[in-house]
Structure formats: structure tokens, C-alpha cells
Amino acid sequence: MKNYTKVICALSKVLTGVLFSGVVASASAQVLPSEVTNFRARAAESKYLPQLEALQQQIGTAEFPHPFQLARYVNAKSGRASMDRDGIEFVNFQHRIVLKVSGIYKVAFDADLKSENQRVTQTLVGAGVPLLRLAAQTVPEGEDYDGIGLEILYDTHDSNSNYSFEGREVLSVVFSRADAVAFVNAANDEVRQEILSRTDLFVSGKPFGVALGQRNPIEPGSSEDRAMRAAPETTDSAVLVRASAALRAASKVDSPAESAAAVVTDVNEAVSHTEPVKLFSLEKSGDQVLMHVSLQNSTAFNGTSTSIYKRAAQSFDLFLGPELRDVVKGLPTEAKFDAFKFSVVNHVANGASKAETIDYICPVASTQAFLDNKITSQDLINQSTVLVNGMCCSYRAAAVACCCESTISWAPCLFDCSTVCCGA
């Protein structure tokens, strides 16, 4: 009887190990093209899938100064998202398709001994350079994508006699592919510093001017400064965030927008806009030509009961979507451009400011397909880009608001990857 029990226990352990290995293997599988929503990123994901799978294996066996583990959602602390090791995918960033490598660098810097600039430098050199080298060597250069980006989380702690602090920082950096190769092969810090001067670099979502070999950072340059120093083939555009399905869902879980008459008198001027005020012009954004159309939203919002995600979603559902056919009809037919940029000015009572601008950047083909009833409004939103006051707001926060109906988490998500509720 005892031997029989031992056999059963041993078999149970084996089966448990097999099942656990299956879970880990599933969590470590490469992102599939079907999981990528942006059509350009999806095409690149499909084309380079064998190389991405090889890159994942190479990173898994590579040696770093400290252990590095791929992770798709670096800020996720629990649930399925925290187990997702699909840390390599093509994403949309500032009108560019970027090969993003994200993960956790298992080091805890003493904030009293290492300044923020030194922590960023050590992470960039220790983890960033090997990752860039492997990515550039494994995934061939092509016109399908524009650059290579890194998203690396690391820990910090600060202990003294008065208190003990532990925190996390996320380094996000985007190189053009040429600059990624040059940064890896640079002979000295002077060359690397020059490359960084034209690179988008953020720490926990805020622009950061890293100074190699120094204790203190330099003042981060503006996007215009970086564009002036950039190579000719790089694109220059405002920080953006693609509207996700979660954004649209946010308009359904929140309370409905208030009419202009229902809002307090400090925005009475909004009542007069019963018809959209429309101005249009052509403008260039990087390598794209946009038909810029400015409109005043005839619906006003109460800032105390609406989030920016709800206002962005309902501005399309209740205003831009119904008006879109008439707006497009009024534009010059002889103009040549790549996408529409619909700038909707919202009036917000009891908000941080009385007005905000939501920009919807919609490809011409997608817009026409929507007007021809070939795709839904959700399809158009999925294929478009949305800016809120020109700032990058994590649409992952919209998913948290949608799924949890709780306070929005403002954890930065600079790259346009798949939506996840952080507690999933």
C-alpha cells in the first residue's frame, strides 16, 4: 500500500511539472501577427516572425551583467499579464513602426549611491546595448519598419536611518535602425552621446536627457530639436496614442455626455456652436501629408464626471462620426494627401482647462471604407491614431477604467501594443 501511494505521489509530481512547463511555454511563445492590431505592424510581424522567434531564443540564452527576462507588459505585477514573456513585437510609435524589445532587468540600484542619470546609463549600456546588437543582427533591415525600441524595467531602493524606499523605473528609448547599429558599434561615449541627442528617450514616461559618464542628466531636447538633428529618413511627429477598443468601451461604461445646456454657465459659449465650425488645410507630418480639419464640438462635457478617454470616445461617437460624411464632402477633391487629421475642440466645464483638443488621424482608405459602409466605426478607430492635447496618454489606463471601473492608472505606456487590464 505504501509503495502504491509513493507511485501515485511521484506520478502527480510529474504531471504537475508537465502542466507547469506547458503554462510557461505558452507564456513564452512569440507574439502572433493576429494579436497585432496596427496593420503595418501586423504585416512586419508576419514577415519577420521566424527572425523574431530566433531573437527571443537568443535573448533567453544571452549573458547580461544582471539577469534579463523578456516581458510584454513590464508594469504588470500579477495575473496573466505578469506571466506574458512575449517581449518582442512590432508596434506603432509616433507614426513609426518600431521593433520593440521589452523586459525586466533584474537589478536594484541604490538611489543614494546611483543618481537617476547613472541608473539610466548603466541600464542602457548593460542591457540596452546587448539587446540592440541582437535585434539588429537577427532582424534584417527593411522598409517594413523604421526603428528599434527598448522598454526596460529595473528596481531602485533608497535606505537610510529615517525611511526605506523601494520603487521601479522604466527606461523607454527609440532609435532609428541606423542609429541602433551605430550606437552598438560606437567607439566612445562622445559618439553615443551624439546619437542619443536625436533619440526619443523617456524614464517612467517623462522625456529624459541622459548624460553618459556624468552624475547628472542634461536638459532633454524637444521633439523639434531631435528632428533637426535626425537623419533625413527619420520621421517627425507629435507624440501619439492609437485609439483602442478599450477607449471605445470606456464611452459605454461611463455616464453619458452632458448637453451644452446642462453644463454650468462658465462654458455658455459652447451653446452657440450648434453647427461644427470647420477649417481645413494641408500639413506635413514626417513623411505623410495630412488634410487637417478643425471642428468645434457642439457637445460640452463636465470634467468632474468624465475621463479624457470617455470624452475622446464620445467625441467620435456623438459628434465626429455622424458629421464625418458631410465634413469630407466639403473638402477640396483635387488635394492629394495620405490621411485626415480631424481636430475636435471640446469644451470642458469644471476641468483642468475649459477646452481640450482631440486629434483623430485617420488613413484616407480607412475613412472612405467607413463612409462606404465597408467597415464599422470601431474598425476605423482601430486603424486610426488619437492624440489628446498632443500628449501621450496610456490607453492601457482606459482598459483599467473599463474593466475595473476604478481610478485610472497613469502608468506610462509609450508604445502602442495590445491592451491589457493590469490586474488580468
Protein backbone atom coordinates (compact mmCIF):
# COMPACT_ATOMS: atom_id res chain seq x y z
CA MET A 1 0.00 0.00 0.00
CA LYS A 2 2.85 2.37 0.85
CA ASN A 3 4.60 1.64 -2.42
CA TYR A 4 1.38 2.29 -4.31
CA THR A 5 0.99 5.67 -2.53
CA LYS A 6 4.58 6.61 -3.42
CA VAL A 7 3.95 5.80 -7.06
CA ILE A 8 0.82 7.94 -7.11
CA CYS A 9 2.67 10.87 -5.45
CA ALA A 10 5.55 10.59 -7.90
CA LEU A 11 3.18 10.48 -10.87
CA SER A 12 1.32 13.50 -9.53
CA LYS A 13 4.54 15.49 -9.29
CA VAL A 14 5.49 14.56 -12.84
CA LEU A 15 2.10 15.61 -14.20
CA THR A 16 2.24 18.87 -12.24
CA GLY A 17 5.66 19.58 -13.71
CA VAL A 18 4.44 18.85 -17.22
CA LEU A 19 1.43 21.12 -16.81
CA PHE A 20 3.54 23.92 -15.33
CA SER A 21 6.04 23.59 -18.16
CA GLY A 22 3.19 23.88 -20.63
CA VAL A 23 1.97 27.07 -18.98
CA VAL A 24 5.47 28.57 -19.05
CA ALA A 25 5.98 27.50 -22.65
CA SER A 26 2.66 29.06 -23.61
CA ALA A 27 3.54 32.26 -21.78
CA SER A 28 6.89 32.37 -23.59
CA ALA A 29 5.52 31.94 -27.13
CA GLN A 30 6.21 34.71 -29.64
CA VAL A 31 3.52 37.32 -30.33
CA LEU A 32 1.48 36.23 -33.34
CA PRO A 33 0.54 38.57 -36.20
CA SER A 34 -3.13 38.06 -35.36
CA GLU A 35 -2.51 39.69 -31.97
CA VAL A 36 -1.20 42.92 -33.53
CA THR A 37 -3.88 45.50 -34.35
CA ASN A 38 -1.94 48.07 -36.39
CA PHE A 39 -1.97 46.85 -40.00
CA ARG A 40 1.62 47.95 -40.78
CA ALA A 41 2.95 46.43 -37.58
CA ARG A 42 0.96 43.25 -38.26
CA ALA A 43 2.50 42.95 -41.73
CA ALA A 44 6.01 43.31 -40.29
CA GLU A 45 5.19 40.82 -37.53
CA SER A 46 4.12 38.29 -40.13
CA LYS A 47 7.09 38.83 -42.42
CA TYR A 48 9.76 38.62 -39.73
CA LEU A 49 8.11 36.05 -37.45
CA PRO A 50 10.91 33.42 -37.88
CA GLN A 51 13.54 36.03 -37.03
CA LEU A 52 11.53 37.23 -34.02
CA GLU A 53 11.31 33.67 -32.69
CA ALA A 54 15.07 33.28 -33.17
CA LEU A 55 15.68 36.61 -31.42
CA GLN A 56 13.59 35.50 -28.46
CA GLN A 57 15.71 32.37 -28.08
CA GLN A 58 18.96 34.31 -28.40
CA ILE A 59 17.95 36.81 -25.73
CA GLY A 60 16.92 33.95 -23.47
CA THR A 61 20.41 32.44 -23.62
CA ALA A 62 22.44 35.69 -23.75
CA GLU A 63 24.52 36.86 -20.81
CA PHE A 64 23.98 40.28 -19.26
CA PRO A 65 25.69 41.98 -16.28
CA HIS A 66 22.45 41.22 -14.41
CA PRO A 67 19.68 38.75 -15.37
CA PHE A 68 17.29 39.98 -18.05
CA GLN A 69 13.86 38.50 -18.70
CA LEU A 70 11.59 39.34 -21.62
CA ALA A 71 8.18 40.68 -20.58
CA ARG A 72 5.43 42.09 -22.76
CA TYR A 73 3.86 44.20 -20.01
CA VAL A 74 6.70 45.41 -17.80
CA ASN A 75 4.41 47.19 -15.33
CA ALA A 76 2.09 44.23 -14.72
CA LYS A 77 2.53 42.93 -11.17
CA SER A 78 0.13 39.97 -11.14
CA GLY A 79 -2.21 37.85 -13.22
CA ARG A 80 -1.78 36.61 -16.78
CA ALA A 81 -0.18 39.83 -17.95
CA SER A 82 2.69 39.45 -15.48
CA MET A 83 3.42 35.97 -16.90
CA ASP A 84 3.46 37.09 -20.54
CA ARG A 85 7.04 36.70 -21.82
CA ASP A 86 6.20 37.81 -25.37
CA GLY A 87 8.52 40.78 -25.07
CA ILE A 88 9.25 41.19 -28.79
CA GLU A 89 6.77 42.71 -31.24
CA PHE A 90 6.30 45.41 -33.83
CA VAL A 91 4.38 48.41 -32.50
CA ASN A 92 3.30 51.88 -33.56
CA PHE A 93 5.20 54.83 -32.07
CA GLN A 94 4.92 58.40 -33.35
CA HIS A 95 3.80 57.35 -36.84
CA ARG A 96 6.69 54.89 -36.95
CA ILE A 97 6.65 51.11 -36.91
CA VAL A 98 9.17 50.06 -34.28
CA LEU A 99 10.56 46.66 -33.32
CA LYS A 100 10.04 46.79 -29.54
CA VAL A 101 12.03 44.63 -27.14
CA SER A 102 10.74 44.88 -23.58
CA GLY A 103 11.64 43.15 -20.36
CA ILE A 104 12.80 43.27 -16.77
CA TYR A 105 16.43 43.94 -15.87
CA LYS A 106 16.83 42.24 -12.51
CA VAL A 107 18.96 44.79 -10.73
CA ALA A 108 18.11 47.01 -7.77
CA PHE A 109 20.03 50.29 -7.81
CA ASP A 110 20.71 52.12 -4.56
CA ALA A 111 19.28 55.56 -5.28
CA ASP A 112 21.59 57.09 -2.66
CA LEU A 113 24.67 55.79 -4.48
CA LYS A 114 23.47 55.96 -8.09
CA SER A 115 21.73 59.04 -9.45
CA GLU A 116 18.83 58.67 -11.87
CA ASN A 117 21.16 59.53 -14.75
CA GLN A 118 23.66 56.88 -13.63
CA ARG A 119 20.92 54.28 -13.29
CA VAL A 120 19.68 55.02 -16.80
CA THR A 121 23.22 54.94 -18.20
CA GLN A 122 24.05 51.63 -16.55
CA THR A 123 20.79 50.07 -17.78
CA LEU A 124 21.25 51.42 -21.29
CA VAL A 125 24.80 50.10 -21.55
CA GLY A 126 24.36 46.87 -19.58
CA ALA A 127 21.05 45.70 -21.03
CA GLY A 128 20.29 48.06 -23.90
CA VAL A 129 23.45 47.60 -25.96
CA PRO A 130 23.30 43.76 -25.99
CA LEU A 131 19.59 43.87 -26.87
CA LEU A 132 20.15 46.33 -29.71
CA ARG A 133 23.03 44.24 -31.04
CA LEU A 134 21.00 41.03 -31.05
CA ALA A 135 17.96 42.72 -32.60
CA ALA A 136 19.99 44.38 -35.36
CA GLN A 137 21.86 41.16 -36.15
CA THR A 138 18.79 38.91 -36.16
CA VAL A 139 16.08 41.00 -37.82
CA PRO A 140 17.22 42.24 -41.25
CA GLU A 141 16.90 45.83 -42.33
CA GLY A 142 13.79 46.54 -44.37
CA GLU A 143 11.30 49.18 -45.41
CA ASP A 144 8.64 47.45 -43.31
CA TYR A 145 9.76 49.15 -40.11
CA ASP A 146 11.51 52.34 -39.05
CA GLY A 147 13.43 51.66 -35.87
CA ILE A 148 14.21 49.60 -32.79
CA GLY A 149 12.81 50.44 -29.37
CA LEU A 150 13.58 49.23 -25.86
CA GLU A 151 11.37 49.20 -22.80
CA ILE A 152 13.32 48.08 -19.73
CA LEU A 153 12.09 47.99 -16.14
CA TYR A 154 14.52 47.97 -13.22
CA ASP A 155 14.22 48.40 -9.45
CA THR A 156 15.55 51.15 -7.20
CA HIS A 157 15.79 51.38 -3.45
CA ASP A 158 16.85 54.08 -1.02
CA SER A 159 17.52 53.20 2.61
CA ASN A 160 18.74 55.43 5.43
CA SER A 161 18.07 55.88 9.12
CA ASN A 162 14.77 57.67 8.53
CA TYR A 163 12.98 55.61 5.91
CA SER A 164 13.24 52.83 3.39
CA PHE A 165 12.01 53.31 -0.17
CA GLU A 166 11.64 50.80 -2.99
CA GLY A 167 10.44 51.71 -6.45
CA ARG A 168 10.55 50.93 -10.13
CA GLU A 169 11.70 52.90 -13.15
CA VAL A 170 11.08 52.16 -16.82
CA LEU A 171 13.58 53.19 -19.46
CA SER A 172 11.98 53.63 -22.90
CA VAL A 173 14.13 54.55 -25.88
CA VAL A 174 13.56 54.50 -29.64
CA PHE A 175 16.40 54.50 -32.18
CA SER A 176 16.23 54.60 -35.93
CA ARG A 177 17.65 51.30 -37.17
CA ALA A 178 20.78 53.02 -38.45
CA ASP A 179 21.32 54.76 -35.12
CA ALA A 180 20.76 51.49 -33.23
CA VAL A 181 23.59 49.86 -35.19
CA ALA A 182 25.80 52.94 -34.81
CA PHE A 183 25.13 53.12 -31.06
CA VAL A 184 26.18 49.50 -30.60
CA ASN A 185 29.35 49.92 -32.66
CA ALA A 186 30.30 53.37 -31.35
CA ALA A 187 33.95 53.69 -30.38
CA ASN A 188 33.38 56.04 -27.43
CA ASP A 189 30.76 57.82 -25.32
CA GLU A 190 31.12 61.00 -27.35
CA VAL A 191 29.73 59.26 -30.43
CA ARG A 192 26.98 57.59 -28.41
CA GLN A 193 26.04 60.89 -26.80
CA GLU A 194 25.58 62.47 -30.21
CA ILE A 195 23.30 59.60 -31.24
CA LEU A 196 21.25 59.99 -28.05
CA SER A 197 20.75 63.69 -28.81
CA ARG A 198 18.49 62.72 -31.73
CA THR A 199 16.83 59.77 -29.97
CA ASP A 200 13.50 59.60 -28.15
CA LEU A 201 14.31 58.62 -24.56
CA PHE A 202 11.96 58.54 -21.58
CA VAL A 203 12.19 57.46 -17.95
CA SER A 204 8.86 56.39 -16.49
CA GLY A 205 7.07 58.22 -19.30
CA LYS A 206 8.89 61.55 -18.98
CA PRO A 207 11.45 62.84 -21.51
CA PHE A 208 14.94 62.42 -20.11
CA GLY A 209 18.31 63.82 -21.24
CA VAL A 210 20.82 61.13 -20.33
CA ALA A 211 24.45 62.29 -20.00
CA LEU A 212 26.85 59.38 -20.43
CA GLY A 213 29.65 59.28 -17.86
CA GLN A 214 28.07 62.01 -15.72
CA ARG A 215 26.16 62.00 -12.45
CA ASN A 216 23.51 64.50 -13.52
CA PRO A 217 21.40 64.45 -16.68
CA ILE A 218 21.23 67.16 -19.29
CA GLU A 219 18.09 69.04 -20.26
CA PRO A 220 16.10 66.83 -22.65
CA GLY A 221 15.70 68.30 -26.10
CA SER A 222 12.31 68.98 -27.60
CA SER A 223 10.91 66.87 -30.40
CA GLU A 224 11.77 69.74 -32.75
CA ASP A 225 15.39 69.71 -31.56
CA ARG A 226 15.62 65.96 -32.14
CA ALA A 227 14.09 66.32 -35.58
CA MET A 228 16.68 68.95 -36.56
CA ARG A 229 19.48 66.56 -35.56
CA ALA A 230 17.83 63.46 -37.01
CA ALA A 231 18.92 61.69 -40.14
CA PRO A 232 16.84 62.65 -43.22
CA GLU A 233 14.89 59.39 -43.30
CA THR A 234 13.56 59.71 -39.74
CA THR A 235 10.06 61.00 -39.17
CA ASP A 236 9.00 63.93 -37.03
CA SER A 237 5.56 63.92 -35.49
CA ALA A 238 3.72 64.62 -32.29
CA VAL A 239 3.54 62.00 -29.55
CA LEU A 240 0.54 59.84 -30.24
CA VAL A 241 -1.60 57.04 -28.96
CA ARG A 242 -3.79 54.81 -31.09
CA ALA A 243 -7.43 54.57 -30.02
CA SER A 244 -8.09 51.06 -28.80
CA ALA A 245 -11.22 49.02 -28.31
CA ALA A 246 -10.90 49.85 -24.63
CA LEU A 247 -11.26 53.55 -25.42
CA ARG A 248 -14.49 52.84 -27.23
CA ALA A 249 -15.67 50.65 -24.36
CA ALA A 250 -14.97 53.49 -21.94
CA SER A 251 -17.71 55.51 -23.62
CA LYS A 252 -20.19 52.76 -22.75
CA VAL A 253 -19.31 52.25 -19.09
CA ASP A 254 -19.19 55.93 -18.17
CA SER A 255 -22.21 58.16 -17.80
CA PRO A 256 -23.42 59.86 -21.00
CA ALA A 257 -22.03 63.23 -22.06
CA GLU A 258 -23.97 66.28 -20.96
CA SER A 259 -25.54 68.60 -23.49
CA ALA A 260 -24.24 72.16 -23.68
CA ALA A 261 -27.38 73.45 -21.93
CA ALA A 262 -26.81 71.16 -18.94
CA VAL A 263 -23.30 72.42 -18.23
CA VAL A 264 -22.60 75.31 -15.86
CA THR A 265 -22.56 78.81 -17.25
CA ASP A 266 -18.76 79.19 -17.46
CA VAL A 267 -18.92 77.44 -20.83
CA ASN A 268 -22.02 79.11 -22.20
CA GLU A 269 -20.04 79.99 -25.31
CA ALA A 270 -20.24 76.30 -26.28
CA VAL A 271 -24.01 76.56 -26.70
CA SER A 272 -23.63 78.78 -29.72
CA HIS A 273 -21.82 76.04 -31.64
CA THR A 274 -24.90 74.23 -32.85
CA GLU A 275 -23.11 73.57 -36.16
CA PRO A 276 -19.49 72.48 -36.34
CA VAL A 277 -17.04 75.26 -37.15
CA LYS A 278 -14.81 73.83 -39.87
CA LEU A 279 -11.38 74.95 -41.07
CA PHE A 280 -9.08 72.88 -43.22
CA SER A 281 -5.52 72.97 -44.54
CA LEU A 282 -2.78 70.63 -45.75
CA GLU A 283 0.17 69.99 -43.47
CA LYS A 284 3.20 67.71 -43.48
CA SER A 285 3.97 65.34 -40.61
CA GLY A 286 7.15 63.39 -41.17
CA ASP A 287 6.77 61.58 -44.46
CA GLN A 288 2.99 61.96 -44.52
CA VAL A 289 0.76 64.72 -45.86
CA LEU A 290 -2.32 65.30 -43.70
CA MET A 291 -5.58 67.03 -44.51
CA HIS A 292 -6.06 68.92 -41.24
CA VAL A 293 -9.69 69.68 -40.43
CA SER A 294 -10.55 71.68 -37.28
CA LEU A 295 -14.01 71.43 -35.76
CA GLN A 296 -15.77 72.74 -32.66
CA ASN A 297 -17.71 70.07 -30.77
CA SER A 298 -21.30 71.15 -30.19
CA THR A 299 -21.47 68.87 -27.14
CA ALA A 300 -19.90 70.05 -23.89
CA PHE A 301 -18.58 67.82 -21.10
CA ASN A 302 -18.39 68.05 -17.33
CA GLY A 303 -14.79 67.43 -16.26
CA THR A 304 -15.81 66.12 -12.84
CA SER A 305 -17.76 63.16 -14.25
CA THR A 306 -15.87 62.29 -17.44
CA SER A 307 -12.39 60.98 -18.18
CA ILE A 308 -10.32 62.01 -21.19
CA TYR A 309 -10.91 58.52 -22.60
CA LYS A 310 -14.66 58.85 -22.34
CA ARG A 311 -14.54 62.30 -23.93
CA ALA A 312 -12.30 61.07 -26.76
CA ALA A 313 -14.60 58.11 -27.44
CA GLN A 314 -17.84 60.07 -27.22
CA SER A 315 -16.45 62.94 -29.29
CA PHE A 316 -16.22 60.44 -32.13
CA ASP A 317 -19.42 58.52 -31.40
CA LEU A 318 -21.68 61.52 -30.79
CA PHE A 319 -20.07 64.21 -32.92
CA LEU A 320 -17.36 63.38 -35.46
CA GLY A 321 -18.77 60.04 -36.64
CA PRO A 322 -22.24 61.38 -37.51
CA GLU A 323 -20.75 64.52 -39.12
CA LEU A 324 -17.95 62.76 -40.99
CA ARG A 325 -19.70 62.31 -44.34
CA ASP A 326 -20.67 65.99 -44.59
CA VAL A 327 -17.24 67.10 -43.39
CA VAL A 328 -15.41 65.07 -46.05
CA LYS A 329 -17.81 66.23 -48.78
CA GLY A 330 -16.85 69.83 -48.04
CA LEU A 331 -13.12 69.26 -48.64
CA PRO A 332 -11.35 70.01 -51.96
CA THR A 333 -11.37 66.91 -54.16
CA GLU A 334 -8.18 67.75 -56.06
CA ALA A 335 -5.94 67.72 -52.96
CA LYS A 336 -3.50 64.80 -52.55
CA PHE A 337 -2.82 63.56 -49.02
CA ASP A 338 -2.25 60.38 -47.00
CA ALA A 339 -4.56 60.80 -44.03
CA PHE A 340 -7.15 63.02 -42.43
CA LYS A 341 -6.36 64.80 -39.18
CA PHE A 342 -9.66 65.74 -37.56
CA SER A 343 -9.03 68.12 -34.64
CA VAL A 344 -12.09 68.30 -32.41
CA VAL A 345 -12.12 71.06 -29.79
CA ASN A 346 -14.11 70.05 -26.72
CA HIS A 347 -15.48 72.43 -24.11
CA VAL A 348 -15.00 71.02 -20.61
CA ALA A 349 -16.66 72.54 -17.55
CA ASN A 350 -15.07 72.04 -14.13
CA GLY A 351 -11.96 70.58 -15.74
CA ALA A 352 -8.28 71.44 -15.55
CA SER A 353 -8.90 73.70 -18.56
CA LYS A 354 -12.02 74.90 -20.31
CA ALA A 355 -11.06 73.34 -23.63
CA GLU A 356 -9.15 70.35 -24.95
CA THR A 357 -8.28 69.14 -28.43
CA ILE A 358 -8.74 65.55 -29.58
CA ASP A 359 -6.94 64.72 -32.85
CA TYR A 360 -8.15 61.73 -34.88
CA ILE A 361 -5.61 60.80 -37.57
CA CYS A 362 -7.43 58.51 -39.99
CA PRO A 363 -5.96 56.95 -43.16
CA VAL A 364 -7.76 58.04 -46.32
CA ALA A 365 -8.55 54.47 -47.39
CA SER A 366 -9.97 53.56 -43.98
CA THR A 367 -12.07 56.71 -43.85
CA GLN A 368 -13.52 56.04 -47.30
CA ALA A 369 -14.23 52.42 -46.38
CA PHE A 370 -16.14 53.65 -43.33
CA LEU A 371 -18.15 56.11 -45.41
CA ASP A 372 -18.91 53.32 -47.90
CA ASN A 373 -20.19 51.13 -45.03
CA LYS A 374 -17.47 48.54 -45.69
CA ILE A 375 -16.04 48.77 -42.16
CA THR A 376 -17.52 49.72 -38.81
CA SER A 377 -16.70 52.80 -36.78
CA GLN A 378 -14.73 50.51 -34.44
CA ASP A 379 -12.64 49.32 -37.39
CA LEU A 380 -11.91 52.92 -38.34
CA ILE A 381 -10.85 53.75 -34.80
CA ASN A 382 -8.62 50.66 -34.66
CA GLN A 383 -6.86 51.74 -37.86
CA SER A 384 -6.50 55.36 -36.75
CA THR A 385 -4.45 57.34 -34.27
CA VAL A 386 -5.67 59.62 -31.48
CA LEU A 387 -3.88 62.43 -29.68
CA VAL A 388 -5.22 64.10 -26.54
CA ASN A 389 -3.86 67.65 -26.27
CA GLY A 390 -0.80 66.39 -28.16
CA MET A 391 0.26 64.30 -25.18
CA CYS A 392 0.86 60.58 -24.90
CA CYS A 393 -1.71 59.10 -22.53
CA SER A 394 -1.59 55.37 -21.84
CA TYR A 395 -4.66 53.81 -23.44
CA ARG A 396 -3.86 50.90 -21.13
CA ALA A 397 -5.32 53.19 -18.45
CA ALA A 398 -8.57 53.18 -20.40
CA ALA A 399 -8.62 49.42 -20.13
CA VAL A 400 -8.24 49.68 -16.36
CA ALA A 401 -11.08 52.17 -16.21
CA CYS A 402 -13.19 49.99 -18.49
CA CYS A 403 -12.56 46.64 -16.81
CA CYS A 404 -12.32 47.76 -13.21
CA GLU A 405 -14.37 50.98 -13.18
CA SER A 406 -11.78 52.31 -10.77
CA THR A 407 -9.34 55.20 -10.63
CA ILE A 408 -7.36 55.43 -13.84
CA SER A 409 -3.78 54.23 -13.57
CA TRP A 410 -1.42 56.71 -15.20
CA ALA A 411 1.40 54.22 -15.66
CA PRO A 412 3.11 55.26 -18.88
CA CYS A 413 2.73 53.12 -21.97
CA LEU A 414 4.65 54.87 -24.71
CA PHE A 415 4.37 52.08 -27.23
CA ASP A 416 1.16 51.13 -28.98
CA CYS A 417 0.94 47.46 -28.03
CA SER A 418 -2.04 45.29 -27.11
CA THR A 419 -4.43 46.49 -24.43
CA VAL A 420 -4.36 44.74 -21.08
CA CYS A 421 -6.08 45.25 -17.79
CA CYS A 422 -3.14 45.21 -15.41
CA GLY A 423 -4.95 43.04 -12.93
CA ALA A 424 -5.98 40.44 -15.52
